[in-house]
C-alpha atoms as a PDB file:
ATOM      1  CA  UNK A   1      85.544  69.974 154.764  1.00  0.00           C
ATOM      2  CA  UNK A   2      89.028  69.916 152.882  1.00  0.00           C
ATOM      3  CA  UNK A   3      89.584  68.726 149.317  1.00  0.00           C
ATOM      4  CA  UNK A   4      92.308  68.069 147.167  1.00  0.00           C
ATOM      5  CA  UNK A   5      93.268  68.289 143.514  1.00  0.00           C
ATOM      6  CA  UNK A   6      93.656  65.170 142.154  1.00  0.00           C
ATOM      7  CA  UNK A   7      96.819  64.252 139.937  1.00  0.00           C
ATOM      8  CA  UNK A   8      97.535  61.871 137.392  1.00  0.00           C
ATOM      9  CA  UNK A   9     101.386  59.871 138.342  1.00  0.00           C
ATOM     10  CA  UNK A  10     103.257  62.689 136.129  1.00  0.00           C
ATOM     11  CA  UNK A  11     102.534  64.857 138.610  1.00  0.00           C
ATOM     12  CA  UNK A  12      99.454  66.922 135.891  1.00  0.00           C
ATOM     13  CA  UNK A  13      95.748  68.306 137.423  1.00  0.00           C
ATOM     14  CA  UNK A  14      93.608  65.516 136.516  1.00  0.00           C
ATOM     15  CA  UNK A  15      90.070  67.299 136.546  1.00  0.00           C
ATOM     16  CA  UNK A  16      89.148  65.805 140.293  1.00  0.00           C
ATOM     17  CA  UNK A  17      88.803  66.951 144.136  1.00  0.00           C
ATOM     18  CA  UNK A  18      88.362  65.155 146.837  1.00  0.00           C
ATOM     19  CA  UNK A  19      88.305  65.420 150.379  1.00  0.00           C
ATOM     20  CA  UNK A  20      91.721  64.839 152.331  1.00  0.00           C
ATOM     21  CA  UNK A  21      90.568  61.605 154.171  1.00  0.00           C
ATOM     22  CA  UNK A  22      89.805  60.226 150.435  1.00  0.00           C
ATOM     23  CA  UNK A  23      92.380  60.790 148.750  1.00  0.00           C
ATOM     24  CA  UNK A  24      95.210  59.504 152.309  1.00  0.00           C
ATOM     25  CA  UNK A  25      93.094  56.091 152.207  1.00  0.00           C
ATOM     26  CA  UNK A  26      92.777  55.765 148.488  1.00  0.00           C
ATOM     27  CA  UNK A  27      97.128  56.444 147.762  1.00  0.00           C
ATOM     28  CA  UNK A  28      96.014  59.822 145.322  1.00  0.00           C
ATOM     29  CA  UNK A  29      98.124  61.235 143.868  1.00  0.00           C
ATOM     30  CA  UNK A  30      97.927  65.280 145.178  1.00  0.00           C
ATOM     31  CA  UNK A  31     100.227  68.632 145.981  1.00  0.00           C
ATOM     32  CA  UNK A  32     102.267  69.868 148.852  1.00  0.00           C
ATOM     33  CA  UNK A  33     104.250  72.205 149.729  1.00  0.00           C
ATOM     34  CA  UNK A  34     106.831  72.566 152.335  1.00  0.00           C
ATOM     35  CA  UNK A  35     109.190  76.003 153.592  1.00  0.00           C
ATOM     36  CA  UNK A  36     112.407  76.415 154.840  1.00  0.00           C
ATOM     37  CA  UNK A  37     112.383  80.109 156.670  1.00  0.00           C
ATOM     38  CA  UNK A  38     116.021  81.377 157.027  1.00  0.00           C
ATOM     39  CA  UNK A  39     116.685  84.445 159.415  1.00  0.00           C
ATOM     40  CA  UNK A  40     118.603  86.597 159.733  1.00  0.00           C
ATOM     41  CA  UNK A  41     121.638  84.860 161.537  1.00  0.00           C
ATOM     42  CA  UNK A  42     121.628  81.969 158.801  1.00  0.00           C
ATOM     43  CA  UNK A  43     119.557  80.042 161.314  1.00  0.00           C
ATOM     44  CA  UNK A  44     116.323  78.063 159.919  1.00  0.00           C
ATOM     45  CA  UNK A  45     112.644  77.668 161.523  1.00  0.00           C
ATOM     46  CA  UNK A  46     111.341  74.476 162.594  1.00  0.00           C
ATOM     47  CA  UNK A  47     107.741  73.870 164.635  1.00  0.00           C
ATOM     48  CA  UNK A  48     106.779  71.369 166.457  1.00  0.00           C
ATOM     49  CA  UNK A  49     103.403  69.131 165.310  1.00  0.00           C
ATOM     50  CA  UNK A  50     101.118  69.056 168.122  1.00  0.00           C
ATOM     51  CA  UNK A  51     100.853  66.740 170.094  1.00  0.00           C
ATOM     52  CA  UNK A  52      96.720  65.554 168.491  1.00  0.00           C
ATOM     53  CA  UNK A  53      98.237  65.061 164.966  1.00  0.00           C
ATOM     54  CA  UNK A  54      97.683  61.987 163.736  1.00  0.00           C
ATOM     55  CA  UNK A  55     101.178  62.219 161.901  1.00  0.00           C
ATOM     56  CA  UNK A  56     104.564  62.388 163.820  1.00  0.00           C
ATOM     57  CA  UNK A  57     103.347  63.996 166.653  1.00  0.00           C
ATOM     58  CA  UNK A  58     105.350  66.397 168.317  1.00  0.00           C
ATOM     59  CA  UNK A  59     108.409  65.506 165.501  1.00  0.00           C
ATOM     60  CA  UNK A  60     110.214  69.157 164.882  1.00  0.00           C
ATOM     61  CA  UNK A  61     109.333  70.079 160.935  1.00  0.00           C
ATOM     62  CA  UNK A  62     109.228  72.511 158.756  1.00  0.00           C
ATOM     63  CA  UNK A  63     106.522  73.994 157.605  1.00  0.00           C
ATOM     64  CA  UNK A  64     104.002  72.693 155.087  1.00  0.00           C
ATOM     65  CA  UNK A  65     100.567  71.380 154.491  1.00  0.00           C
ATOM     66  CA  UNK A  66      98.501  70.629 151.565  1.00  0.00           C
ATOM     67  CA  UNK A  67      98.020  72.541 148.067  1.00  0.00           C
ATOM     68  CA  UNK A  68      93.401  73.023 148.173  1.00  0.00           C
ATOM     69  CA  UNK A  69      91.900  72.179 145.120  1.00  0.00           C
ATOM     70  CA  UNK A  70      92.242  75.330 142.710  1.00  0.00           C
ATOM     71  CA  UNK A  71      94.824  77.075 144.369  1.00  0.00           C
ATOM     72  CA  UNK A  72      98.403  76.697 143.056  1.00  0.00           C
ATOM     73  CA  UNK A  73     100.731  75.925 145.252  1.00  0.00           C
ATOM     74  CA  UNK A  74     102.800  79.177 145.404  1.00  0.00           C
ATOM     75  CA  UNK A  75      99.743  79.599 146.869  1.00  0.00           C
ATOM     76  CA  UNK A  76      99.400  77.447 148.985  1.00  0.00           C
ATOM     77  CA  UNK A  77     102.495  77.734 151.177  1.00  0.00           C
ATOM     78  CA  UNK A  78     101.906  81.464 151.401  1.00  0.00           C
ATOM     79  CA  UNK A  79      98.375  80.215 153.284  1.00  0.00           C
ATOM     80  CA  UNK A  80     100.605  77.277 155.638  1.00  0.00           C
ATOM     81  CA  UNK A  81     102.553  80.034 156.554  1.00  0.00           C
ATOM     82  CA  UNK A  82     100.048  82.302 157.596  1.00  0.00           C
ATOM     83  CA  UNK A  83      97.383  80.089 158.713  1.00  0.00           C
ATOM     84  CA  UNK A  84     100.493  77.809 161.200  1.00  0.00           C
ATOM     85  CA  UNK A  85     102.943  80.492 162.320  1.00  0.00           C
ATOM     86  CA  UNK A  86     101.270  83.414 162.564  1.00  0.00           C
ATOM     87  CA  UNK A  87     103.089  85.989 159.957  1.00  0.00           C
ATOM     88  CA  UNK A  88     102.375  86.824 155.964  1.00  0.00           C
ATOM     89  CA  UNK A  89     105.329  86.827 154.123  1.00  0.00           C
ATOM     90  CA  UNK A  90     105.114  87.897 150.765  1.00  0.00           C
ATOM     91  CA  UNK A  91     105.187  85.824 147.529  1.00  0.00           C
ATOM     92  CA  UNK A  92     108.272  87.030 145.558  1.00  0.00           C
ATOM     93  CA  UNK A  93     109.992  85.968 149.035  1.00  0.00           C
ATOM     94  CA  UNK A  94     109.670  82.571 148.201  1.00  0.00           C
ATOM     95  CA  UNK A  95     112.682  81.104 145.555  1.00  0.00           C
ATOM     96  CA  UNK A  96     111.004  77.791 144.275  1.00  0.00           C
ATOM     97  CA  UNK A  97     114.151  75.282 144.960  1.00  0.00           C
ATOM     98  CA  UNK A  98     112.755  71.575 143.151  1.00  0.00           C
ATOM     99  CA  UNK A  99     109.853  69.448 143.192  1.00  0.00           C
ATOM    100  CA  UNK A 100     110.332  65.809 144.833  1.00  0.00           C
ATOM    101  CA  UNK A 101     107.974  63.112 144.149  1.00  0.00           C
ATOM    102  CA  UNK A 102     107.143  61.213 146.734  1.00  0.00           C
ATOM    103  CA  UNK A 103     105.416  58.193 148.548  1.00  0.00           C
ATOM    104  CA  UNK A 104     104.840  57.208 151.984  1.00  0.00           C
ATOM    105  CA  UNK A 105     102.586  54.340 153.841  1.00  0.00           C
ATOM    106  CA  UNK A 106     102.068  55.526 157.251  1.00  0.00           C
ATOM    107  CA  UNK A 107     101.286  51.252 158.075  1.00  0.00           C
ATOM    108  CA  UNK A 108      99.862  52.225 161.903  1.00  0.00           C
ATOM    109  CA  UNK A 109      97.704  54.923 159.881  1.00  0.00           C
ATOM    110  CA  UNK A 110      96.575  53.253 157.221  1.00  0.00           C
ATOM    111  CA  UNK A 111      97.443  55.616 155.344  1.00  0.00           C
ATOM    112  CA  UNK A 112      98.686  56.502 152.123  1.00  0.00           C
ATOM    113  CA  UNK A 113     100.048  59.430 151.004  1.00  0.00           C
ATOM    114  CA  UNK A 114     101.291  59.917 147.859  1.00  0.00           C
ATOM    115  CA  UNK A 115     101.906  63.093 146.705  1.00  0.00           C
ATOM    116  CA  UNK A 116     104.422  65.850 144.221  1.00  0.00           C
ATOM    117  CA  UNK A 117     105.796  67.782 146.999  1.00  0.00           C
ATOM    118  CA  UNK A 118     107.035  72.008 146.056  1.00  0.00           C
ATOM    119  CA  UNK A 119     109.972  72.948 148.581  1.00  0.00           C
ATOM    120  CA  UNK A 120     110.395  76.749 148.910  1.00  0.00           C
ATOM    121  CA  UNK A 121     113.245  78.498 150.540  1.00  0.00           C
ATOM    122  CA  UNK A 122     112.135  82.305 152.129  1.00  0.00           C
ATOM    123  CA  UNK A 123     114.234  84.765 154.291  1.00  0.00           C
ATOM    124  CA  UNK A 124     113.190  86.490 157.046  1.00  0.00           C
ATOM    125  CA  UNK A 125     113.570  89.252 159.228  1.00  0.00           C
ATOM    126  CA  UNK A 126     111.218  87.539 161.710  1.00  0.00           C
ATOM    127  CA  UNK A 127     112.541  86.443 165.380  1.00  0.00           C
ATOM    128  CA  UNK A 128     110.969  83.621 167.857  1.00  0.00           C
ATOM    129  CA  UNK A 129     108.390  86.680 169.667  1.00  0.00           C
ATOM    130  CA  UNK A 130     106.809  88.084 166.559  1.00  0.00           C
ATOM    131  CA  UNK A 131     105.130  83.709 164.997  1.00  0.00           C
ATOM    132  CA  UNK A 132     102.046  83.506 166.817  1.00  0.00           C
ATOM    133  CA  UNK A 133     101.668  79.554 166.260  1.00  0.00           C
ATOM    134  CA  UNK A 134      97.370  77.755 164.960  1.00  0.00           C
ATOM    135  CA  UNK A 135      97.684  75.553 168.649  1.00  0.00           C
ATOM    136  CA  UNK A 136      96.132  73.177 166.522  1.00  0.00           C
ATOM    137  CA  UNK A 137      98.799  72.149 164.384  1.00  0.00           C
ATOM    138  CA  UNK A 138     101.851  73.224 166.228  1.00  0.00           C
ATOM    139  CA  UNK A 139     103.408  73.343 169.743  1.00  0.00           C
ATOM    140  CA  UNK A 140     106.520  75.189 169.459  1.00  0.00           C
ATOM    141  CA  UNK A 141     108.974  76.731 167.151  1.00  0.00           C
ATOM    142  CA  UNK A 142     112.457  77.227 167.283  1.00  0.00           C
ATOM    143  CA  UNK A 143     115.188  78.838 165.044  1.00  0.00           C
ATOM    144  CA  UNK A 144     118.367  76.211 163.880  1.00  0.00           C
ATOM    145  CA  UNK A 145     121.626  76.987 162.455  1.00  0.00           C
ATOM    146  CA  UNK A 146     122.447  74.347 159.569  1.00  0.00           C
ATOM    147  CA  UNK A 147     125.590  72.532 161.440  1.00  0.00           C
ATOM    148  CA  UNK A 148     122.309  72.390 164.299  1.00  0.00           C
ATOM    149  CA  UNK A 149     120.823  70.075 162.478  1.00  0.00           C
ATOM    150  CA  UNK A 150     123.498  68.627 160.169  1.00  0.00           C
ATOM    151  CA  UNK A 151     124.580  67.112 164.060  1.00  0.00           C
ATOM    152  CA  UNK A 152     121.280  65.909 164.684  1.00  0.00           C
ATOM    153  CA  UNK A 153     120.998  64.044 161.597  1.00  0.00           C
ATOM    154  CA  UNK A 154     124.358  62.621 162.574  1.00  0.00           C
ATOM    155  CA  UNK A 155     123.040  61.250 166.027  1.00  0.00           C
ATOM    156  CA  UNK A 156     120.255  59.712 164.304  1.00  0.00           C
ATOM    157  CA  UNK A 157     117.239  62.590 166.582  1.00  0.00           C
ATOM    158  CA  UNK A 158     114.365  61.288 165.189  1.00  0.00           C
ATOM    159  CA  UNK A 159     112.572  64.361 167.746  1.00  0.00           C
ATOM    160  CA  UNK A 160     113.012  65.680 163.958  1.00  0.00           C
ATOM    161  CA  UNK A 161     110.622  63.951 160.122  1.00  0.00           C
ATOM    162  CA  UNK A 162     114.076  65.247 158.684  1.00  0.00           C
ATOM    163  CA  UNK A 163     115.172  62.283 159.909  1.00  0.00           C
ATOM    164  CA  UNK A 164     113.116  59.789 158.947  1.00  0.00           C
ATOM    165  CA  UNK A 165     112.049  60.023 155.631  1.00  0.00           C
ATOM    166  CA  UNK A 166     114.939  60.217 153.024  1.00  0.00           C
ATOM    167  CA  UNK A 167     113.165  63.380 151.254  1.00  0.00           C
ATOM    168  CA  UNK A 168     113.754  65.558 153.465  1.00  0.00           C
ATOM    169  CA  UNK A 169     118.160  64.863 153.713  1.00  0.00           C
ATOM    170  CA  UNK A 170     117.539  65.869 149.572  1.00  0.00           C
ATOM    171  CA  UNK A 171     114.928  68.884 150.419  1.00  0.00           C
ATOM    172  CA  UNK A 172     117.497  70.500 152.937  1.00  0.00           C
ATOM    173  CA  UNK A 173     120.629  69.674 150.854  1.00  0.00           C
ATOM    174  CA  UNK A 174     118.413  71.821 148.407  1.00  0.00           C
ATOM    175  CA  UNK A 175     118.547  74.557 151.262  1.00  0.00           C
ATOM    176  CA  UNK A 176     121.993  75.192 151.868  1.00  0.00           C
ATOM    177  CA  UNK A 177     123.107  75.266 147.758  1.00  0.00           C
ATOM    178  CA  UNK A 178     120.692  77.784 147.470  1.00  0.00           C
ATOM    179  CA  UNK A 179     122.105  80.054 150.126  1.00  0.00           C
ATOM    180  CA  UNK A 180     125.056  79.935 148.463  1.00  0.00           C
ATOM    181  CA  UNK A 181     122.669  82.087 145.344  1.00  0.00           C
ATOM    182  CA  UNK A 182     121.043  83.975 147.597  1.00  0.00           C
ATOM    183  CA  UNK A 183     124.227  85.676 148.834  1.00  0.00           C
ATOM    184  CA  UNK A 184     124.560  86.064 145.569  1.00  0.00           C
ATOM    185  CA  UNK A 185     121.633  88.052 145.215  1.00  0.00           C
ATOM    186  CA  UNK A 186     121.158  90.242 147.621  1.00  0.00           C
ATOM    187  CA  UNK A 187     124.040  91.571 147.754  1.00  0.00           C
ATOM    188  CA  UNK A 188     123.993  94.905 146.986  1.00  0.00           C
ATOM    189  CA  UNK A 189     120.705  94.499 150.120  1.00  0.00           C
ATOM    190  CA  UNK A 190     120.651  94.572 153.579  1.00  0.00           C
ATOM    191  CA  UNK A 191     120.033  90.782 152.978  1.00  0.00           C
ATOM    192  CA  UNK A 192     123.825  89.443 153.217  1.00  0.00           C
ATOM    193  CA  UNK A 193     123.539  85.784 155.544  1.00  0.00           C
ATOM    194  CA  UNK A 194     126.860  84.324 156.483  1.00  0.00           C
ATOM    195  CA  UNK A 195     127.075  81.379 157.766  1.00  0.00           C
ATOM    196  CA  UNK A 196     129.442  77.794 157.275  1.00  0.00           C
ATOM    197  CA  UNK A 197     128.321  74.922 155.586  1.00  0.00           C
ATOM    198  CA  UNK A 198     129.853  71.277 155.443  1.00  0.00           C
ATOM    199  CA  UNK A 199     128.750  71.177 152.226  1.00  0.00           C
ATOM    200  CA  UNK A 200     128.951  66.788 151.096  1.00  0.00           C
END
């Protein structure tokens, strides 16, 4: 049984925990985490959701998921990354790029997803062959350049979840802005990412 902590509308813990199904059926506030993973070429990792997923099957998205009851967001994203794509990223590699308050109602599924999304950005030196996907959740992986992502958005490519939800556009823009900061932060070691970004 997957238990999630219930939050109030301001993102504070209420001390209550409920099953994931009940949280979605009742539209209870909870915590979601997501991470944009960048490789040494400045490409971002995308995973294709399993065809068996209730929401957005076969769509490309970033790594993420729910935070279990009693778990911190940072521990949650580390666990989700290890479970879904089979790699353990040290906690200090995760850069927090903000929190979004999101409300989405999937009418056909009768799911009211109200959550606070903790967004992270992580740099890795993993190649595609280094990942091991959790087939119940993920069916494929690929790296994309910022330019390819922007092209997908421009063409309204609905194979990607970030086309459908404005919140993901905000996250991607935050991630793009973060690149310059990360370049400066890691300029004295091996983590230097030189990529072209079309800033809006």
